Amino acid sequence: KPRLNPSVDWTDCGGYIATIMYATGVDPNYPKVWVPAQIDYVRSNPDKYLVLENPTLGDLQPGDILLTEGHTMMYTGKT
């Protein structure tokens, strides 16, 4: 994390997902922390992100980012 997302000394769910985005090279401009900023960023970049407001399990693919008002996570697939 210090090399990829040195924004703060701690991390939360948003920082974790951001670090994944940088480590994989998927989106080096993804906001480093703060879920509300990440939600705004994703919604303002329709060329990069398809936003589904109420996805079903069938809509999801491994690697999809799931954002709620106070939490973000990554879908890794059916268990």
PDB file of N, CA and C in Angstrom:
ATOM      1  N   LYS A   1       0.795  -1.196   0.000  1.00  0.00           N
ATOM      2  CA  LYS A   1       0.000   0.000   0.000  1.00  0.00           C
ATOM      3  C   LYS A   1       0.842   1.266   0.000  1.00  0.00           C
ATOM      4  N   PRO A   2       1.908   1.368   0.772  1.00  0.00           N
ATOM      5  CA  PRO A   2       2.673   2.614   0.752  1.00  0.00           C
ATOM      6  C   PRO A   2       3.179   2.993  -0.653  1.00  0.00           C
ATOM      7  N   ARG A   3       3.503   2.018  -1.458  1.00  0.00           N
ATOM      8  CA  ARG A   3       4.003   2.301  -2.807  1.00  0.00           C
ATOM      9  C   ARG A   3       2.873   2.653  -3.764  1.00  0.00           C
ATOM     10  N   LEU A   4       1.733   1.992  -3.631  1.00  0.00           N
ATOM     11  CA  LEU A   4       0.644   2.146  -4.589  1.00  0.00           C
ATOM     12  C   LEU A   4      -0.390   3.203  -4.219  1.00  0.00           C
ATOM     13  N   ASN A   5      -0.644   3.394  -2.929  1.00  0.00           N
ATOM     14  CA  ASN A   5      -1.668   4.338  -2.485  1.00  0.00           C
ATOM     15  C   ASN A   5      -1.230   4.961  -1.163  1.00  0.00           C
ATOM     16  N   PRO A   6      -0.258   5.855  -1.210  1.00  0.00           N
ATOM     17  CA  PRO A   6       0.279   6.428   0.021  1.00  0.00           C
ATOM     18  C   PRO A   6      -0.518   7.615   0.562  1.00  0.00           C
ATOM     19  N   SER A   7      -1.789   7.695   0.227  1.00  0.00           N
ATOM     20  CA  SER A   7      -2.590   8.858   0.606  1.00  0.00           C
ATOM     21  C   SER A   7      -2.710   9.043   2.120  1.00  0.00           C
ATOM     22  N   VAL A   8      -2.856   7.968   2.841  1.00  0.00           N
ATOM     23  CA  VAL A   8      -2.957   8.024   4.304  1.00  0.00           C
ATOM     24  C   VAL A   8      -2.266   6.796   4.883  1.00  0.00           C
ATOM     25  N   ASP A   9      -2.006   6.824   6.189  1.00  0.00           N
ATOM     26  CA  ASP A   9      -1.318   5.701   6.830  1.00  0.00           C
ATOM     27  C   ASP A   9      -2.248   4.541   7.153  1.00  0.00           C
ATOM     28  N   TRP A  10      -3.526   4.739   7.012  1.00  0.00           N
ATOM     29  CA  TRP A  10      -4.509   3.698   7.309  1.00  0.00           C
ATOM     30  C   TRP A  10      -5.296   3.422   6.034  1.00  0.00           C
ATOM     31  N   THR A  11      -6.109   2.413   6.069  1.00  0.00           N
ATOM     32  CA  THR A  11      -6.964   2.149   4.915  1.00  0.00           C
ATOM     33  C   THR A  11      -8.348   1.749   5.384  1.00  0.00           C
ATOM     34  N   ASP A  12      -9.282   1.899   4.504  1.00  0.00           N
ATOM     35  CA  ASP A  12     -10.648   1.455   4.730  1.00  0.00           C
ATOM     36  C   ASP A  12     -11.079   0.738   3.453  1.00  0.00           C
ATOM     37  N   CYS A  13     -12.346   0.467   3.331  1.00  0.00           N
ATOM     38  CA  CYS A  13     -12.812  -0.266   2.157  1.00  0.00           C
ATOM     39  C   CYS A  13     -12.503   0.488   0.864  1.00  0.00           C
ATOM     40  N   GLY A  14     -12.685   1.823   0.873  1.00  0.00           N
ATOM     41  CA  GLY A  14     -12.403   2.618  -0.315  1.00  0.00           C
ATOM     42  C   GLY A  14     -10.932   2.612  -0.678  1.00  0.00           C
ATOM     43  N   GLY A  15     -10.080   2.733   0.327  1.00  0.00           N
ATOM     44  CA  GLY A  15      -8.643   2.679   0.093  1.00  0.00           C
ATOM     45  C   GLY A  15      -8.194   1.322  -0.421  1.00  0.00           C
ATOM     46  N   TYR A  16      -8.815   0.272   0.083  1.00  0.00           N
ATOM     47  CA  TYR A  16      -8.488  -1.080  -0.368  1.00  0.00           C
ATOM     48  C   TYR A  16      -8.820  -1.241  -1.851  1.00  0.00           C
ATOM     49  N   ILE A  17     -10.035  -0.847  -2.255  1.00  0.00           N
ATOM     50  CA  ILE A  17     -10.429  -0.976  -3.658  1.00  0.00           C
ATOM     51  C   ILE A  17      -9.560  -0.081  -4.537  1.00  0.00           C
ATOM     52  N   ALA A  18      -9.276   1.135  -4.082  1.00  0.00           N
ATOM     53  CA  ALA A  18      -8.411   2.032  -4.850  1.00  0.00           C
ATOM     54  C   ALA A  18      -7.039   1.412  -5.067  1.00  0.00           C
ATOM     55  N   THR A  19      -6.480   0.807  -4.039  1.00  0.00           N
ATOM     56  CA  THR A  19      -5.165   0.179  -4.165  1.00  0.00           C
ATOM     57  C   THR A  19      -5.201  -0.951  -5.189  1.00  0.00           C
ATOM     58  N   ILE A  20      -6.283  -1.705  -5.228  1.00  0.00           N
ATOM     59  CA  ILE A  20      -6.432  -2.751  -6.247  1.00  0.00           C
ATOM     60  C   ILE A  20      -6.464  -2.127  -7.639  1.00  0.00           C
ATOM     61  N   MET A  21      -7.187  -1.021  -7.776  1.00  0.00           N
ATOM     62  CA  MET A  21      -7.278  -0.356  -9.081  1.00  0.00           C
ATOM     63  C   MET A  21      -5.901   0.095  -9.563  1.00  0.00           C
ATOM     64  N   TYR A  22      -5.055   0.594  -8.652  1.00  0.00           N
ATOM     65  CA  TYR A  22      -3.713   1.040  -9.029  1.00  0.00           C
ATOM     66  C   TYR A  22      -2.794  -0.148  -9.297  1.00  0.00           C
ATOM     67  N   ALA A  23      -2.844  -1.156  -8.435  1.00  0.00           N
ATOM     68  CA  ALA A  23      -1.945  -2.311  -8.556  1.00  0.00           C
ATOM     69  C   ALA A  23      -2.165  -3.057  -9.862  1.00  0.00           C
ATOM     70  N   THR A  24      -3.407  -3.106 -10.307  1.00  0.00           N
ATOM     71  CA  THR A  24      -3.720  -3.826 -11.541  1.00  0.00           C
ATOM     72  C   THR A  24      -3.619  -2.952 -12.776  1.00  0.00           C
ATOM     73  N   GLY A  25      -3.487  -1.648 -12.579  1.00  0.00           N
ATOM     74  CA  GLY A  25      -3.418  -0.730 -13.702  1.00  0.00           C
ATOM     75  C   GLY A  25      -4.769  -0.442 -14.339  1.00  0.00           C
ATOM     76  N   VAL A  26      -5.842  -0.872 -13.698  1.00  0.00           N
ATOM     77  CA  VAL A  26      -7.181  -0.694 -14.259  1.00  0.00           C
ATOM     78  C   VAL A  26      -7.549   0.783 -14.354  1.00  0.00           C
ATOM     79  N   ASP A  27      -7.298   1.556 -13.301  1.00  0.00           N
ATOM     80  CA  ASP A  27      -7.657   2.972 -13.323  1.00  0.00           C
ATOM     81  C   ASP A  27      -6.765   3.747 -12.357  1.00  0.00           C
ATOM     82  N   PRO A  28      -5.680   4.325 -12.869  1.00  0.00           N
ATOM     83  CA  PRO A  28      -4.769   5.071 -12.004  1.00  0.00           C
ATOM     84  C   PRO A  28      -5.342   6.391 -11.491  1.00  0.00           C
ATOM     85  N   ASN A  29      -6.505   6.786 -11.974  1.00  0.00           N
ATOM     86  CA  ASN A  29      -7.132   8.030 -11.528  1.00  0.00           C
ATOM     87  C   ASN A  29      -8.238   7.813 -10.502  1.00  0.00           C
ATOM     88  N   TYR A  30      -8.485   6.571 -10.143  1.00  0.00           N
ATOM     89  CA  TYR A  30      -9.529   6.248  -9.180  1.00  0.00           C
ATOM     90  C   TYR A  30      -9.229   6.960  -7.853  1.00  0.00           C
ATOM     91  N   PRO A  31     -10.227   7.618  -7.231  1.00  0.00           N
ATOM     92  CA  PRO A  31      -9.969   8.332  -5.971  1.00  0.00           C
ATOM     93  C   PRO A  31      -9.359   7.429  -4.903  1.00  0.00           C
ATOM     94  N   LYS A  32      -8.353   7.945  -4.221  1.00  0.00           N
ATOM     95  CA  LYS A  32      -7.570   7.142  -3.279  1.00  0.00           C
ATOM     96  C   LYS A  32      -8.344   6.690  -2.046  1.00  0.00           C
ATOM     97  N   VAL A  33      -9.226   7.506  -1.531  1.00  0.00           N
ATOM     98  CA  VAL A  33     -10.038   7.173  -0.364  1.00  0.00           C
ATOM     99  C   VAL A  33     -11.373   7.895  -0.475  1.00  0.00           C
ATOM    100  N   TRP A  34     -12.271   7.594   0.415  1.00  0.00           N
ATOM    101  CA  TRP A  34     -13.554   8.251   0.610  1.00  0.00           C
ATOM    102  C   TRP A  34     -14.579   7.761  -0.405  1.00  0.00           C
ATOM    103  N   VAL A  35     -15.444   6.883   0.042  1.00  0.00           N
ATOM    104  CA  VAL A  35     -16.451   6.244  -0.806  1.00  0.00           C
ATOM    105  C   VAL A  35     -17.329   7.261  -1.550  1.00  0.00           C
ATOM    106  N   PRO A  36     -17.816   8.340  -0.927  1.00  0.00           N
ATOM    107  CA  PRO A  36     -18.633   9.291  -1.702  1.00  0.00           C
ATOM    108  C   PRO A  36     -17.901   9.859  -2.927  1.00  0.00           C
ATOM    109  N   ALA A  37     -16.609  10.137  -2.796  1.00  0.00           N
ATOM    110  CA  ALA A  37     -15.835  10.630  -3.942  1.00  0.00           C
ATOM    111  C   ALA A  37     -15.703   9.551  -5.003  1.00  0.00           C
ATOM    112  N   GLN A  38     -15.573   8.300  -4.574  1.00  0.00           N
ATOM    113  CA  GLN A  38     -15.477   7.201  -5.525  1.00  0.00           C
ATOM    114  C   GLN A  38     -16.796   7.009  -6.276  1.00  0.00           C
ATOM    115  N   ILE A  39     -17.915   7.138  -5.567  1.00  0.00           N
ATOM    116  CA  ILE A  39     -19.227   7.036  -6.219  1.00  0.00           C
ATOM    117  C   ILE A  39     -19.363   8.136  -7.273  1.00  0.00           C
ATOM    118  N   ASP A  40     -19.032   9.370  -6.911  1.00  0.00           N
ATOM    119  CA  ASP A  40     -19.112  10.478  -7.857  1.00  0.00           C
ATOM    120  C   ASP A  40     -18.209  10.242  -9.063  1.00  0.00           C
ATOM    121  N   TYR A  41     -17.008   9.735  -8.816  1.00  0.00           N
ATOM    122  CA  TYR A  41     -16.049   9.479  -9.890  1.00  0.00           C
ATOM    123  C   TYR A  41     -16.581   8.427 -10.864  1.00  0.00           C
ATOM    124  N   VAL A  42     -17.076   7.330 -10.333  1.00  0.00           N
ATOM    125  CA  VAL A  42     -17.596   6.257 -11.183  1.00  0.00           C
ATOM    126  C   VAL A  42     -18.772   6.762 -12.018  1.00  0.00           C
ATOM    127  N   ARG A  43     -19.674   7.478 -11.392  1.00  0.00           N
ATOM    128  CA  ARG A  43     -20.852   8.006 -12.111  1.00  0.00           C
ATOM    129  C   ARG A  43     -20.462   9.048 -13.160  1.00  0.00           C
ATOM    130  N   SER A  44     -19.390   9.772 -12.946  1.00  0.00           N
ATOM    131  CA  SER A  44     -18.994  10.812 -13.897  1.00  0.00           C
ATOM    132  C   SER A  44     -18.057  10.291 -14.986  1.00  0.00           C
ATOM    133  N   ASN A  45     -17.807   8.995 -15.008  1.00  0.00           N
ATOM    134  CA  ASN A  45     -16.949   8.395 -16.032  1.00  0.00           C
ATOM    135  C   ASN A  45     -17.640   7.222 -16.721  1.00  0.00           C
ATOM    136  N   PRO A  46     -18.728   7.490 -17.450  1.00  0.00           N
ATOM    137  CA  PRO A  46     -19.457   6.395 -18.096  1.00  0.00           C
ATOM    138  C   PRO A  46     -18.656   5.707 -19.197  1.00  0.00           C
ATOM    139  N   ASP A  47     -17.593   6.341 -19.651  1.00  0.00           N
ATOM    140  CA  ASP A  47     -16.728   5.698 -20.634  1.00  0.00           C
ATOM    141  C   ASP A  47     -15.904   4.574 -20.010  1.00  0.00           C
ATOM    142  N   LYS A  48     -15.735   4.610 -18.692  1.00  0.00           N
ATOM    143  CA  LYS A  48     -14.964   3.588 -17.980  1.00  0.00           C
ATOM    144  C   LYS A  48     -15.840   2.619 -17.194  1.00  0.00           C
ATOM    145  N   TYR A  49     -17.001   3.111 -16.713  1.00  0.00           N
ATOM    146  CA  TYR A  49     -17.805   2.332 -15.774  1.00  0.00           C
ATOM    147  C   TYR A  49     -19.260   2.256 -16.218  1.00  0.00           C
ATOM    148  N   LEU A  50     -19.828   1.067 -16.149  1.00  0.00           N
ATOM    149  CA  LEU A  50     -21.252   0.860 -16.349  1.00  0.00           C
ATOM    150  C   LEU A  50     -21.884   0.818 -14.965  1.00  0.00           C
ATOM    151  N   VAL A  51     -22.777   1.732 -14.689  1.00  0.00           N
ATOM    152  CA  VAL A  51     -23.407   1.809 -13.375  1.00  0.00           C
ATOM    153  C   VAL A  51     -24.770   1.141 -13.436  1.00  0.00           C
ATOM    154  N   LEU A  52     -24.953   0.142 -12.605  1.00  0.00           N
ATOM    155  CA  LEU A  52     -26.238  -0.533 -12.455  1.00  0.00           C
ATOM    156  C   LEU A  52     -26.760  -0.178 -11.077  1.00  0.00           C
ATOM    157  N   GLU A  53     -27.907   0.460 -11.011  1.00  0.00           N
ATOM    158  CA  GLU A  53     -28.431   0.939  -9.730  1.00  0.00           C
ATOM    159  C   GLU A  53     -28.884  -0.191  -8.805  1.00  0.00           C
ATOM    160  N   ASN A  54     -29.478  -1.225  -9.338  1.00  0.00           N
ATOM    161  CA  ASN A  54     -29.966  -2.348  -8.522  1.00  0.00           C
ATOM    162  C   ASN A  54     -29.604  -3.664  -9.195  1.00  0.00           C
ATOM    163  N   PRO A  55     -28.330  -4.019  -9.216  1.00  0.00           N
ATOM    164  CA  PRO A  55     -27.931  -5.236  -9.919  1.00  0.00           C
ATOM    165  C   PRO A  55     -28.433  -6.499  -9.222  1.00  0.00           C
ATOM    166  N   THR A  56     -28.667  -7.513 -10.020  1.00  0.00           N
ATOM    167  CA  THR A  56     -28.982  -8.832  -9.486  1.00  0.00           C
ATOM    168  C   THR A  56     -27.692  -9.652  -9.498  1.00  0.00           C
ATOM    169  N   LEU A  57     -27.700 -10.773  -8.858  1.00  0.00           N
ATOM    170  CA  LEU A  57     -26.525 -11.640  -8.842  1.00  0.00           C
ATOM    171  C   LEU A  57     -26.131 -12.029 -10.262  1.00  0.00           C
ATOM    172  N   GLY A  58     -27.119 -12.214 -11.125  1.00  0.00           N
ATOM    173  CA  GLY A  58     -26.839 -12.570 -12.515  1.00  0.00           C
ATOM    174  C   GLY A  58     -26.169 -11.461 -13.308  1.00  0.00           C
ATOM    175  N   ASP A  59     -26.287 -10.215 -12.856  1.00  0.00           N
ATOM    176  CA  ASP A  59     -25.653  -9.085 -13.529  1.00  0.00           C
ATOM    177  C   ASP A  59     -24.163  -8.987 -13.220  1.00  0.00           C
ATOM    178  N   LEU A  60     -23.745  -9.562 -12.101  1.00  0.00           N
ATOM    179  CA  LEU A  60     -22.386  -9.353 -11.604  1.00  0.00           C
ATOM    180  C   LEU A  60     -21.366 -10.267 -12.253  1.00  0.00           C
ATOM    181  N   GLN A  61     -20.162  -9.715 -12.411  1.00  0.00           N
ATOM    182  CA  GLN A  61     -19.015 -10.476 -12.900  1.00  0.00           C
ATOM    183  C   GLN A  61     -17.869 -10.284 -11.921  1.00  0.00           C
ATOM    184  N   PRO A  62     -17.014 -11.301 -11.744  1.00  0.00           N
ATOM    185  CA  PRO A  62     -15.875 -11.118 -10.842  1.00  0.00           C
ATOM    186  C   PRO A  62     -15.077  -9.868 -11.224  1.00  0.00           C
ATOM    187  N   GLY A  63     -14.749  -9.084 -10.216  1.00  0.00           N
ATOM    188  CA  GLY A  63     -14.020  -7.848 -10.423  1.00  0.00           C
ATOM    189  C   GLY A  63     -14.908  -6.623 -10.412  1.00  0.00           C
ATOM    190  N   ASP A  64     -16.227  -6.815 -10.451  1.00  0.00           N
ATOM    191  CA  ASP A  64     -17.133  -5.672 -10.381  1.00  0.00           C
ATOM    192  C   ASP A  64     -17.011  -4.980  -9.031  1.00  0.00           C
ATOM    193  N   ILE A  65     -17.091  -3.663  -9.055  1.00  0.00           N
ATOM    194  CA  ILE A  65     -17.050  -2.863  -7.839  1.00  0.00           C
ATOM    195  C   ILE A  65     -18.484  -2.606  -7.406  1.00  0.00           C
ATOM    196  N   LEU A  66     -18.767  -2.871  -6.149  1.00  0.00           N
ATOM    197  CA  LEU A  66     -20.088  -2.626  -5.580  1.00  0.00           C
ATOM    198  C   LEU A  66     -19.967  -1.452  -4.617  1.00  0.00           C
ATOM    199  N   LEU A  67     -20.750  -0.403  -4.865  1.00  0.00           N
ATOM    200  CA  LEU A  67     -20.693   0.805  -4.052  1.00  0.00           C
ATOM    201  C   LEU A  67     -22.047   1.073  -3.420  1.00  0.00           C
ATOM    202  N   THR A  68     -22.035   1.365  -2.128  1.00  0.00           N
ATOM    203  CA  THR A  68     -23.225   1.841  -1.439  1.00  0.00           C
ATOM    204  C   THR A  68     -22.848   3.190  -0.823  1.00  0.00           C
ATOM    205  N   GLU A  69     -23.774   3.830  -0.169  1.00  0.00           N
ATOM    206  CA  GLU A  69     -23.489   5.155   0.382  1.00  0.00           C
ATOM    207  C   GLU A  69     -22.331   5.163   1.378  1.00  0.00           C
ATOM    208  N   GLY A  70     -22.074   4.075   2.058  1.00  0.00           N
ATOM    209  CA  GLY A  70     -20.997   4.089   3.045  1.00  0.00           C
ATOM    210  C   GLY A  70     -20.027   2.941   2.942  1.00  0.00           C
ATOM    211  N   HIS A  71     -20.086   2.173   1.849  1.00  0.00           N
ATOM    212  CA  HIS A  71     -19.204   1.012   1.759  1.00  0.00           C
ATOM    213  C   HIS A  71     -18.926   0.682   0.302  1.00  0.00           C
ATOM    214  N   THR A  72     -17.770   0.129   0.054  1.00  0.00           N
ATOM    215  CA  THR A  72     -17.428  -0.376  -1.270  1.00  0.00           C
ATOM    216  C   THR A  72     -16.760  -1.726  -1.117  1.00  0.00           C
ATOM    217  N   MET A  73     -16.985  -2.572  -2.094  1.00  0.00           N
ATOM    218  CA  MET A  73     -16.410  -3.921  -2.076  1.00  0.00           C
ATOM    219  C   MET A  73     -16.254  -4.393  -3.509  1.00  0.00           C
ATOM    220  N   MET A  74     -15.585  -5.510  -3.680  1.00  0.00           N
ATOM    221  CA  MET A  74     -15.399  -6.093  -4.996  1.00  0.00           C
ATOM    222  C   MET A  74     -16.041  -7.465  -5.041  1.00  0.00           C
ATOM    223  N   TYR A  75     -16.811  -7.703  -6.073  1.00  0.00           N
ATOM    224  CA  TYR A  75     -17.434  -9.006  -6.253  1.00  0.00           C
ATOM    225  C   TYR A  75     -16.378  -9.958  -6.791  1.00  0.00           C
ATOM    226  N   THR A  76     -16.207 -11.101  -6.129  1.00  0.00           N
ATOM    227  CA  THR A  76     -15.186 -12.070  -6.539  1.00  0.00           C
ATOM    228  C   THR A  76     -15.767 -13.311  -7.194  1.00  0.00           C
ATOM    229  N   GLY A  77     -17.069 -13.405  -7.252  1.00  0.00           N
ATOM    230  CA  GLY A  77     -17.717 -14.546  -7.893  1.00  0.00           C
ATOM    231  C   GLY A  77     -18.588 -15.303  -6.926  1.00  0.00           C
ATOM    232  N   LYS A  78     -19.364 -16.201  -7.477  1.00  0.00           N
ATOM    233  CA  LYS A  78     -20.264 -17.003  -6.663  1.00  0.00           C
ATOM    234  C   LYS A  78     -19.455 -17.953  -5.792  1.00  0.00           C
ATOM    235  N   THR A  79     -19.960 -18.180  -4.579  1.00  0.00           N
ATOM    236  CA  THR A  79     -19.262 -19.117  -3.682  1.00  0.00           C
ATOM    237  C   THR A  79     -19.987 -20.435  -3.640  1.00  0.00           C
TER     238      THR A  79
END
